[in-house]
Amino acid sequence: MTGVDCAYPEMRLSELSTTDGRAAMPASSAACTVDLIAAYAFRSLRDYTVDPRPLGVVRYPGGSHNTTLISGAPGAIDFLAARVAGRAAADDCV
């Protein structure tokens, strides 16, 4: 969220953030990956935002954390680009 907030301040992500979310953004902006994992592992985005809807999940059969990072990047980038462009996400809730 911190990176998106810096790149697209017009999205006003702080308006969607809880008090914890607003505090986490500057605290995490200069942190190293290891520090971020230690501080935020096993937390949910719902802990930091006022929007209770869950995020969609895409599973890659047989993929590990590292291989999915690479193979899933194009889809993740396309998804984020569409949201930044103002296009609504597909409603795949069942």
C-alpha atoms as a PDB file:
ATOM      1  CA  MET A   1       0.000   0.000   0.000  1.00  0.00           C
ATOM      2  CA  THR A   2       2.835   2.381   0.757  1.00  0.00           C
ATOM      3  CA  GLY A   3       4.223   2.178  -2.773  1.00  0.00           C
ATOM      4  CA  VAL A   4       0.826   2.711  -4.378  1.00  0.00           C
ATOM      5  CA  ASP A   5       0.154   5.634  -2.041  1.00  0.00           C
ATOM      6  CA  CYS A   6       3.452   7.290  -2.998  1.00  0.00           C
ATOM      7  CA  ALA A   7       2.965   6.737  -6.732  1.00  0.00           C
ATOM      8  CA  TYR A   8      -0.712   7.713  -6.813  1.00  0.00           C
ATOM      9  CA  PRO A   9      -1.436  10.212  -4.018  1.00  0.00           C
ATOM     10  CA  GLU A  10      -4.679  11.177  -5.768  1.00  0.00           C
ATOM     11  CA  MET A  11      -6.087   7.792  -4.671  1.00  0.00           C
ATOM     12  CA  ARG A  12      -6.034   9.088  -1.067  1.00  0.00           C
ATOM     13  CA  LEU A  13      -5.433   5.660   0.458  1.00  0.00           C
ATOM     14  CA  SER A  14      -5.194   7.205   3.909  1.00  0.00           C
ATOM     15  CA  GLU A  15      -8.952   7.779   3.703  1.00  0.00           C
ATOM     16  CA  LEU A  16      -9.405   3.996   3.458  1.00  0.00           C
ATOM     17  CA  SER A  17      -6.981   3.270   6.285  1.00  0.00           C
ATOM     18  CA  THR A  18      -7.681   2.652   9.936  1.00  0.00           C
ATOM     19  CA  THR A  19      -5.576   4.364  12.584  1.00  0.00           C
ATOM     20  CA  ASP A  20      -3.246   1.336  12.505  1.00  0.00           C
ATOM     21  CA  GLY A  21      -3.097   1.534   8.714  1.00  0.00           C
ATOM     22  CA  ARG A  22      -2.167   5.214   8.706  1.00  0.00           C
ATOM     23  CA  ALA A  23       0.563   4.516  11.285  1.00  0.00           C
ATOM     24  CA  ALA A  24       1.917   1.518   9.356  1.00  0.00           C
ATOM     25  CA  MET A  25       2.375   3.362   6.064  1.00  0.00           C
ATOM     26  CA  PRO A  26       5.188   5.735   7.089  1.00  0.00           C
ATOM     27  CA  ALA A  27       6.627   3.147   9.470  1.00  0.00           C
ATOM     28  CA  SER A  28       6.928   0.612   6.653  1.00  0.00           C
ATOM     29  CA  SER A  29       8.121   2.961   3.910  1.00  0.00           C
ATOM     30  CA  ALA A  30      11.800   2.759   4.875  1.00  0.00           C
ATOM     31  CA  ALA A  31      11.830  -0.735   6.374  1.00  0.00           C
ATOM     32  CA  CYS A  32      13.767  -3.689   5.031  1.00  0.00           C
ATOM     33  CA  THR A  33      11.926  -6.827   3.923  1.00  0.00           C
ATOM     34  CA  VAL A  34      13.027  -8.807   6.981  1.00  0.00           C
ATOM     35  CA  ASP A  35      11.727  -6.072   9.279  1.00  0.00           C
ATOM     36  CA  LEU A  36       8.428  -5.924   7.388  1.00  0.00           C
ATOM     37  CA  ILE A  37       7.969  -9.672   7.685  1.00  0.00           C
ATOM     38  CA  ALA A  38       8.707  -9.552  11.413  1.00  0.00           C
ATOM     39  CA  ALA A  39       6.270  -6.690  11.973  1.00  0.00           C
ATOM     40  CA  TYR A  40       3.404  -7.628   9.671  1.00  0.00           C
ATOM     41  CA  ALA A  41       3.473 -11.401   9.115  1.00  0.00           C
ATOM     42  CA  PHE A  42       0.130 -13.091   9.683  1.00  0.00           C
ATOM     43  CA  ARG A  43      -1.729  -9.772   9.667  1.00  0.00           C
ATOM     44  CA  SER A  44      -4.593  -9.106   7.293  1.00  0.00           C
ATOM     45  CA  LEU A  45      -5.126  -6.088   5.090  1.00  0.00           C
ATOM     46  CA  ARG A  46      -8.458  -5.857   6.920  1.00  0.00           C
ATOM     47  CA  ASP A  47      -6.443  -4.911  10.025  1.00  0.00           C
ATOM     48  CA  TYR A  48      -5.395  -1.730   8.250  1.00  0.00           C
ATOM     49  CA  THR A  49      -8.354  -0.685   6.107  1.00  0.00           C
ATOM     50  CA  VAL A  50     -11.922   0.405   6.727  1.00  0.00           C
ATOM     51  CA  ASP A  51     -13.187  -1.721   3.824  1.00  0.00           C
ATOM     52  CA  PRO A  52     -14.043  -5.160   5.256  1.00  0.00           C
ATOM     53  CA  ARG A  53     -14.287  -6.919   1.884  1.00  0.00           C
ATOM     54  CA  PRO A  54     -11.716  -9.683   1.430  1.00  0.00           C
ATOM     55  CA  LEU A  55      -9.170  -9.514  -1.351  1.00  0.00           C
ATOM     56  CA  GLY A  56      -9.418 -11.971  -4.197  1.00  0.00           C
ATOM     57  CA  VAL A  57      -6.965 -14.836  -4.209  1.00  0.00           C
ATOM     58  CA  VAL A  58      -5.431 -16.470  -7.256  1.00  0.00           C
ATOM     59  CA  ARG A  59      -3.867 -19.868  -6.685  1.00  0.00           C
ATOM     60  CA  TYR A  60      -1.155 -21.321  -8.922  1.00  0.00           C
ATOM     61  CA  PRO A  61      -1.218 -25.130  -8.642  1.00  0.00           C
ATOM     62  CA  GLY A  62       2.193 -26.504  -7.765  1.00  0.00           C
ATOM     63  CA  GLY A  63       3.667 -23.050  -7.375  1.00  0.00           C
ATOM     64  CA  SER A  64       5.934 -22.183  -4.476  1.00  0.00           C
ATOM     65  CA  HIS A  65       6.185 -18.731  -2.954  1.00  0.00           C
ATOM     66  CA  ASN A  66       9.186 -17.892  -5.136  1.00  0.00           C
ATOM     67  CA  THR A  67       7.967 -19.357  -8.432  1.00  0.00           C
ATOM     68  CA  THR A  68       4.547 -17.759  -8.034  1.00  0.00           C
ATOM     69  CA  LEU A  69       6.221 -14.407  -7.421  1.00  0.00           C
ATOM     70  CA  ILE A  70       7.613 -14.621 -10.943  1.00  0.00           C
ATOM     71  CA  SER A  71       4.795 -16.410 -12.773  1.00  0.00           C
ATOM     72  CA  GLY A  72       2.061 -14.357 -11.105  1.00  0.00           C
ATOM     73  CA  ALA A  73       3.670 -10.938 -11.586  1.00  0.00           C
ATOM     74  CA  PRO A  74       2.106 -10.131 -14.985  1.00  0.00           C
ATOM     75  CA  GLY A  75      -1.403 -10.835 -13.713  1.00  0.00           C
ATOM     76  CA  ALA A  76      -0.813  -8.854 -10.528  1.00  0.00           C
ATOM     77  CA  ILE A  77       0.538  -5.882 -12.463  1.00  0.00           C
ATOM     78  CA  ASP A  78      -2.423  -5.977 -14.863  1.00  0.00           C
ATOM     79  CA  PHE A  79      -4.856  -6.135 -11.936  1.00  0.00           C
ATOM     80  CA  LEU A  80      -3.258  -3.152 -10.175  1.00  0.00           C
ATOM     81  CA  ALA A  81      -3.017  -1.122 -13.388  1.00  0.00           C
ATOM     82  CA  ALA A  82      -6.730  -1.634 -14.018  1.00  0.00           C
ATOM     83  CA  ARG A  83      -7.628  -0.492 -10.488  1.00  0.00           C
ATOM     84  CA  VAL A  84      -5.417   2.607 -10.778  1.00  0.00           C
ATOM     85  CA  ALA A  85      -7.068   3.340 -14.142  1.00  0.00           C
ATOM     86  CA  GLY A  86     -10.435   3.282 -12.380  1.00  0.00           C
ATOM     87  CA  ARG A  87     -11.746   0.037 -13.843  1.00  0.00           C
ATOM     88  CA  ALA A  88     -13.726  -2.040 -11.380  1.00  0.00           C
ATOM     89  CA  ALA A  89     -12.506  -5.474 -10.396  1.00  0.00           C
ATOM     90  CA  ALA A  90     -14.562  -8.421 -11.536  1.00  0.00           C
ATOM     91  CA  ASP A  91     -17.040  -9.431  -8.854  1.00  0.00           C
ATOM     92  CA  ASP A  92     -16.242 -13.102  -8.451  1.00  0.00           C
ATOM     93  CA  CYS A  93     -17.825 -13.519  -5.019  1.00  0.00           C
ATOM     94  CA  VAL A  94     -19.972 -16.606  -4.718  1.00  0.00           C
END
